[in-house]
Amino acid sequence: MAPHRAFSFPLSHIEEESRIPPFELNKKDISELRSCEAFQIIRDLLVDRKETEFCDHHDLDSQADKEAWLLQRDITYALIVPILEIYRHATQIAKALLGNRHIFDLELVFRGEARGAFSWLQCFVMEEEDWCLTRGCPGCIVTHALVAEPTIRLNLVACKLSSALNNHPYPQPHNSTSPPLLDFWQHALKKALDEDPFWGPHVWRTFESRAKALERGIEELVEQCIEFGSLAAANIAAADANDDSPPTSPKHGILKLPQISGTQEQRNWMPGVVMGCWTALLADAAEAKRIRSSSDGTAFHPLLYRCSTS
């Protein structure tokens, strides 16, 4: 069983500390984020869902702390967007290849570490759906990132994917918006864990080792999705044509994985995958905005809808 902090009440100093945003950010990183168009689009999407009400515990915080909670909530979501999109795409391919056979054994489509990564993500998304969809109090969403080993592991893998985009820039599609660079979050995550009264500095090496294993599995998962892509494409297109989901369900943003050669290293094409995830999300955001402006203004979050109905 994964390590998990268990609180017993009264919490005294721990409860008081939980009212303070756990991640420390410098002014330069905050300024760059606020000037990033893609990150502001993410923030607007979350605001549209009206998930900005704080629970009784965090409602006692100052306005400055509430703004910090909201910013850290939005960073957390922006970080995990590519992983959620990779999982959604892998699920789509597995369903297309299996058809009506063994629909509950989607992981069987994949092999090796990719199968393990898919199963892990499948269980995680099912168990942590509210957290993945950022439902509820922003303060609770942020603190939940440090509650259990799986959420910490996912955050750490997400940091590494973001760093890959920074370290190995990938050509952007024409007229596209640059995704936010969030590689600073790994340092903030480590510092928060080191100073956490439950975890402490001794856990980082263990978490990093587990994150590297999951990262390798996700890379293999993406590679196999590329391998199976042409086989599944016809089935996916047919499924879209017969889709009976609500009319606001997006069709515009489709994850396009890069073409790779047999000798091309994973580290060179993973940035393209992350870029593809952001391109799909931002295309969906534009479509959702168009739908809202031509309807009754009801808020609709494209990627969250897709992840929750995959």
Protein backbone atom coordinates (compact mmCIF):
# COMPACT_ATOMS: atom_id res chain seq x y z
CA MET A 1 0.00 0.00 0.00
CA ALA A 2 1.34 3.44 -0.92
CA PRO A 3 2.40 5.73 1.94
CA HIS A 4 -0.46 7.97 3.00
CA ARG A 5 -0.65 10.57 5.72
CA ALA A 6 -3.41 9.90 8.23
CA PHE A 7 -4.57 12.85 10.31
CA SER A 8 -6.06 12.43 13.77
CA PHE A 9 -7.90 15.35 15.32
CA PRO A 10 -7.24 17.78 16.90
CA LEU A 11 -4.47 18.73 14.45
CA SER A 12 -3.13 21.77 16.36
CA HIS A 13 0.02 23.03 14.58
CA ILE A 14 -0.47 20.80 11.52
CA GLU A 15 -3.96 22.15 10.99
CA GLU A 16 -2.64 25.68 11.30
CA GLU A 17 0.17 24.98 8.78
CA SER A 18 -2.35 23.52 6.33
CA ARG A 19 -3.82 27.02 5.98
CA ILE A 20 -0.56 28.20 4.40
CA PRO A 21 0.08 27.33 0.71
CA PRO A 22 2.81 24.64 0.84
CA PHE A 23 4.71 25.56 -2.32
CA GLU A 24 7.09 28.52 -2.37
CA LEU A 25 7.38 30.39 -5.67
CA ASN A 26 9.64 33.29 -6.54
CA LYS A 27 8.38 36.50 -8.09
CA LYS A 28 10.14 35.83 -11.41
CA ASP A 29 8.35 32.50 -11.96
CA ILE A 30 5.00 34.00 -10.98
CA SER A 31 5.52 36.94 -13.34
CA GLU A 32 6.43 34.66 -16.25
CA LEU A 33 3.40 32.46 -15.61
CA ARG A 34 1.04 35.42 -15.55
CA SER A 35 2.42 36.60 -18.89
CA CYS A 36 1.97 33.15 -20.45
CA GLU A 37 -1.13 33.09 -22.66
CA ALA A 38 -1.56 29.30 -22.46
CA PHE A 39 -1.49 29.36 -18.66
CA GLN A 40 -4.05 32.16 -18.58
CA ILE A 41 -6.31 30.06 -20.81
CA ILE A 42 -6.05 27.24 -18.26
CA ARG A 43 -6.92 29.66 -15.47
CA ASP A 44 -9.91 31.01 -17.40
CA LEU A 45 -11.21 27.48 -17.96
CA LEU A 46 -11.04 26.72 -14.25
CA VAL A 47 -12.69 30.04 -13.37
CA ASP A 48 -15.50 29.23 -15.83
CA ARG A 49 -16.23 26.09 -13.83
CA LYS A 50 -16.77 28.32 -10.77
CA GLU A 51 -14.60 26.04 -8.62
CA THR A 52 -13.31 28.96 -6.56
CA GLU A 53 -15.26 28.55 -3.32
CA PHE A 54 -13.16 27.68 -0.30
CA CYS A 55 -14.12 25.22 2.42
CA ASP A 56 -14.72 26.45 5.98
CA HIS A 57 -11.13 25.63 6.91
CA HIS A 58 -9.48 27.61 4.10
CA ASP A 59 -12.12 30.33 4.03
CA LEU A 60 -10.42 31.77 7.11
CA ASP A 61 -7.30 32.56 5.08
CA SER A 62 -6.35 36.06 4.00
CA GLN A 63 -7.17 37.24 0.49
CA ALA A 64 -3.47 37.02 -0.43
CA ASP A 65 -3.34 33.39 0.71
CA LYS A 66 -6.51 32.61 -1.24
CA GLU A 67 -4.94 34.03 -4.38
CA ALA A 68 -1.86 31.89 -3.71
CA TRP A 69 -4.06 28.79 -3.28
CA LEU A 70 -5.78 29.50 -6.61
CA LEU A 71 -2.46 30.02 -8.41
CA GLN A 72 -0.99 26.80 -7.01
CA ARG A 73 -4.18 24.89 -7.84
CA ASP A 74 -3.98 26.11 -11.43
CA ILE A 75 -0.27 25.22 -11.70
CA THR A 76 -1.01 21.73 -10.38
CA TYR A 77 -3.66 21.22 -13.02
CA ALA A 78 -1.53 22.68 -15.82
CA LEU A 79 1.22 20.24 -14.85
CA ILE A 80 -0.90 17.10 -15.03
CA VAL A 81 -2.79 18.07 -18.23
CA PRO A 82 -0.33 16.27 -20.57
CA ILE A 83 -0.44 13.07 -18.51
CA LEU A 84 -4.24 13.07 -18.42
CA GLU A 85 -4.30 13.63 -22.18
CA ILE A 86 -1.81 10.80 -22.81
CA TYR A 87 -3.94 8.48 -20.67
CA ARG A 88 -7.12 9.53 -22.50
CA HIS A 89 -5.49 8.93 -25.88
CA ALA A 90 -4.13 5.53 -24.81
CA THR A 91 -7.61 4.57 -23.57
CA GLN A 92 -9.09 5.62 -26.90
CA ILE A 93 -6.60 3.50 -28.84
CA ALA A 94 -7.10 0.47 -26.57
CA LYS A 95 -10.88 0.66 -26.96
CA ALA A 96 -10.56 1.02 -30.73
CA LEU A 97 -8.32 -2.05 -31.00
CA LEU A 98 -10.33 -4.25 -28.66
CA GLY A 99 -13.77 -3.25 -29.87
CA ASN A 100 -16.33 -5.01 -27.69
CA ARG A 101 -13.86 -7.64 -26.53
CA HIS A 102 -12.47 -7.46 -23.00
CA ILE A 103 -13.48 -3.83 -22.64
CA PHE A 104 -12.55 -4.02 -18.94
CA ASP A 105 -9.04 -5.30 -19.76
CA LEU A 106 -7.80 -2.36 -21.80
CA GLU A 107 -4.27 -2.73 -20.42
CA LEU A 108 -3.90 -6.01 -22.35
CA VAL A 109 -3.41 -4.00 -25.54
CA PHE A 110 -0.07 -2.79 -24.21
CA ARG A 111 3.02 -4.71 -23.19
CA GLY A 112 5.92 -4.42 -20.79
CA GLU A 113 6.28 -1.26 -18.72
CA ALA A 114 3.62 0.45 -20.85
CA ARG A 115 1.00 -1.97 -19.51
CA GLY A 116 2.02 -1.25 -15.95
CA ALA A 117 1.92 2.52 -16.53
CA PHE A 118 -1.52 2.33 -18.16
CA SER A 119 -2.91 0.23 -15.29
CA TRP A 120 -1.42 2.63 -12.74
CA LEU A 121 -2.91 5.68 -14.48
CA GLN A 122 -6.26 3.93 -14.87
CA CYS A 123 -6.45 3.18 -11.13
CA PHE A 124 -5.19 6.66 -10.23
CA VAL A 125 -7.73 8.51 -12.39
CA MET A 126 -10.57 6.36 -11.02
CA GLU A 127 -9.55 6.86 -7.38
CA GLU A 128 -8.55 10.52 -7.69
CA GLU A 129 -11.15 11.75 -10.19
CA ASP A 130 -12.16 14.79 -8.13
CA TRP A 131 -8.54 15.82 -7.71
CA CYS A 132 -7.78 15.32 -11.42
CA LEU A 133 -10.84 17.41 -12.30
CA THR A 134 -9.95 20.03 -9.65
CA ARG A 135 -13.37 19.73 -8.01
CA GLY A 136 -13.87 21.46 -4.70
CA CYS A 137 -11.92 23.86 -2.53
CA PRO A 138 -8.72 25.13 -4.22
CA GLY A 139 -6.84 24.92 -0.93
CA CYS A 140 -7.83 21.28 -0.46
CA ILE A 141 -6.83 20.48 -4.06
CA VAL A 142 -3.33 21.86 -3.46
CA THR A 143 -2.80 20.20 -0.07
CA HIS A 144 -4.08 16.89 -1.47
CA ALA A 145 -1.09 16.87 -3.83
CA LEU A 146 1.05 16.09 -0.76
CA VAL A 147 -1.34 13.74 1.02
CA ALA A 148 -0.32 10.42 -0.56
CA GLU A 149 2.58 8.90 -2.48
CA PRO A 150 0.63 8.43 -5.77
CA THR A 151 -0.27 12.14 -6.11
CA ILE A 152 3.32 13.10 -5.29
CA ARG A 153 4.60 10.59 -7.85
CA LEU A 154 2.30 11.94 -10.56
CA ASN A 155 3.35 15.51 -9.79
CA LEU A 156 7.00 14.55 -10.01
CA VAL A 157 6.55 12.79 -13.37
CA ALA A 158 4.62 15.82 -14.63
CA CYS A 159 7.55 18.05 -13.60
CA LYS A 160 9.93 15.88 -15.60
CA LEU A 161 7.72 16.05 -18.70
CA SER A 162 7.58 19.83 -18.38
CA SER A 163 11.37 19.95 -18.05
CA ALA A 164 11.70 17.84 -21.21
CA LEU A 165 9.81 20.50 -23.13
CA ASN A 166 12.19 23.16 -21.80
CA ASN A 167 15.41 21.18 -22.30
CA HIS A 168 14.57 19.88 -25.78
CA PRO A 169 12.41 22.51 -27.49
CA TYR A 170 10.07 21.08 -30.09
CA PRO A 171 8.88 23.04 -33.15
CA GLN A 172 5.51 24.60 -32.45
CA PRO A 173 2.60 24.31 -34.86
CA HIS A 174 1.94 27.45 -36.90
CA ASN A 175 0.16 30.20 -34.92
CA SER A 176 0.13 28.06 -31.77
CA THR A 177 0.44 29.34 -28.21
CA SER A 178 3.55 28.35 -26.26
CA PRO A 179 2.79 26.08 -23.28
CA PRO A 180 3.84 27.28 -19.82
CA LEU A 181 7.28 26.22 -18.62
CA LEU A 182 6.74 24.71 -15.19
CA ASP A 183 10.07 23.04 -14.49
CA PHE A 184 10.51 25.26 -11.39
CA TRP A 185 7.76 23.24 -9.70
CA GLN A 186 10.04 20.26 -9.01
CA HIS A 187 12.20 22.38 -6.70
CA ALA A 188 9.06 23.72 -4.99
CA LEU A 189 7.75 20.16 -4.58
CA LYS A 190 11.00 18.91 -3.06
CA LYS A 191 11.18 21.85 -0.65
CA ALA A 192 7.56 21.31 0.42
CA LEU A 193 8.23 17.61 1.08
CA ASP A 194 11.47 18.31 2.94
CA GLU A 195 9.68 20.75 5.25
CA ASP A 196 6.53 18.65 5.63
CA PRO A 197 6.12 17.34 9.22
CA PHE A 198 4.90 13.96 7.94
CA TRP A 199 7.19 13.22 4.99
CA GLY A 200 10.48 14.98 5.74
CA PRO A 201 13.67 15.07 3.60
CA HIS A 202 14.34 11.31 3.69
CA VAL A 203 11.51 10.37 1.28
CA TRP A 204 12.63 12.27 -1.81
CA ARG A 205 15.00 9.61 -3.15
CA THR A 206 12.32 6.92 -2.87
CA PHE A 207 9.69 9.06 -4.57
CA GLU A 208 12.12 10.05 -7.33
CA SER A 209 12.94 6.39 -8.04
CA ARG A 210 9.25 5.48 -8.33
CA ALA A 211 8.59 8.52 -10.51
CA LYS A 212 11.39 7.51 -12.90
CA ALA A 213 9.84 4.05 -13.25
CA LEU A 214 6.42 5.55 -14.03
CA GLU A 215 8.02 8.02 -16.44
CA ARG A 216 9.67 5.15 -18.34
CA GLY A 217 6.34 3.36 -18.48
CA ILE A 218 4.56 6.44 -19.83
CA GLU A 219 7.25 6.89 -22.48
CA GLU A 220 6.76 3.27 -23.57
CA LEU A 221 3.00 3.79 -23.50
CA VAL A 222 3.30 6.76 -25.86
CA GLU A 223 5.68 4.82 -28.12
CA GLN A 224 3.19 1.96 -28.37
CA CYS A 225 0.34 4.41 -29.00
CA ILE A 226 2.35 5.72 -31.95
CA GLU A 227 2.97 2.15 -33.09
CA PHE A 228 -0.74 1.25 -32.87
CA GLY A 229 -1.97 4.62 -34.14
CA SER A 230 -2.49 3.67 -37.78
CA LEU A 231 -4.27 0.45 -36.79
CA ALA A 232 -6.63 2.27 -34.44
CA ALA A 233 -7.21 5.42 -36.53
CA ALA A 234 -10.01 3.95 -38.64
CA ASN A 235 -11.82 2.59 -35.59
CA ILE A 236 -11.46 5.89 -33.71
CA ALA A 237 -12.86 7.81 -36.69
CA ALA A 238 -15.82 5.44 -36.87
CA ALA A 239 -16.44 5.80 -33.13
CA ASP A 240 -16.40 9.60 -33.43
CA ALA A 241 -18.90 9.44 -36.29
CA ASN A 242 -21.28 7.39 -34.14
CA ASP A 243 -20.63 9.36 -30.94
CA ASP A 244 -23.86 10.16 -29.08
CA SER A 245 -22.24 12.41 -26.45
CA PRO A 246 -23.71 15.89 -25.76
CA PRO A 247 -23.41 18.44 -28.58
CA THR A 248 -20.87 20.44 -26.59
CA SER A 249 -18.45 17.50 -26.60
CA PRO A 250 -15.34 18.75 -28.42
CA LYS A 251 -14.08 17.15 -31.59
CA HIS A 252 -11.59 19.84 -32.59
CA GLY A 253 -8.71 19.07 -30.25
CA ILE A 254 -7.19 15.72 -31.20
CA LEU A 255 -3.85 14.62 -29.77
CA LYS A 256 -1.44 14.27 -32.67
CA LEU A 257 1.57 12.17 -31.76
CA PRO A 258 4.86 12.76 -33.59
CA GLN A 259 6.19 10.34 -36.17
CA ILE A 260 9.38 8.67 -34.96
CA SER A 261 12.01 6.48 -36.53
CA GLY A 262 13.19 3.24 -35.03
CA THR A 263 16.47 4.83 -33.92
CA GLN A 264 15.09 8.11 -32.57
CA GLU A 265 15.56 8.47 -28.84
CA GLN A 266 12.55 8.94 -26.56
CA ARG A 267 13.95 12.11 -25.02
CA ASN A 268 13.86 13.75 -28.46
CA TRP A 269 10.20 13.03 -29.20
CA MET A 270 8.58 13.30 -25.77
CA PRO A 271 8.61 17.14 -26.00
CA GLY A 272 6.57 16.76 -29.17
CA VAL A 273 4.05 14.66 -27.28
CA VAL A 274 3.73 17.29 -24.54
CA MET A 275 3.36 19.98 -27.21
CA GLY A 276 0.67 17.88 -28.89
CA CYS A 277 -1.24 17.61 -25.60
CA TRP A 278 -1.20 21.38 -25.17
CA THR A 279 -2.20 21.97 -28.78
CA ALA A 280 -5.21 19.67 -28.32
CA LEU A 281 -6.21 21.36 -25.06
CA LEU A 282 -5.93 24.90 -26.41
CA ALA A 283 -7.87 23.97 -29.53
CA ASP A 284 -10.62 22.55 -27.31
CA ALA A 285 -10.53 25.70 -25.18
CA ALA A 286 -11.09 27.85 -28.27
CA GLU A 287 -13.99 25.62 -29.33
CA ALA A 288 -15.52 25.73 -25.86
CA LYS A 289 -15.27 29.53 -25.84
CA ARG A 290 -17.03 29.66 -29.22
CA ILE A 291 -19.78 27.36 -27.94
CA ARG A 292 -20.29 29.48 -24.82
CA SER A 293 -20.51 32.68 -26.82
CA SER A 294 -23.16 31.20 -29.13
CA SER A 295 -25.25 29.54 -26.38
CA ASP A 296 -26.55 30.49 -22.97
CA GLY A 297 -23.06 31.02 -21.55
CA THR A 298 -23.00 27.77 -19.58
CA ALA A 299 -19.45 26.97 -18.61
CA PHE A 300 -17.94 23.89 -20.20
CA HIS A 301 -14.49 22.47 -19.60
CA PRO A 302 -13.35 20.45 -22.63
CA LEU A 303 -10.46 18.34 -21.39
CA LEU A 304 -12.08 17.60 -18.04
CA TYR A 305 -15.21 16.43 -19.85
CA ARG A 306 -13.13 14.14 -22.06
CA CYS A 307 -11.17 12.62 -19.16
CA SER A 308 -14.28 11.97 -17.10
CA THR A 309 -16.12 10.29 -19.98
CA SER A 310 -13.30 8.32 -21.60
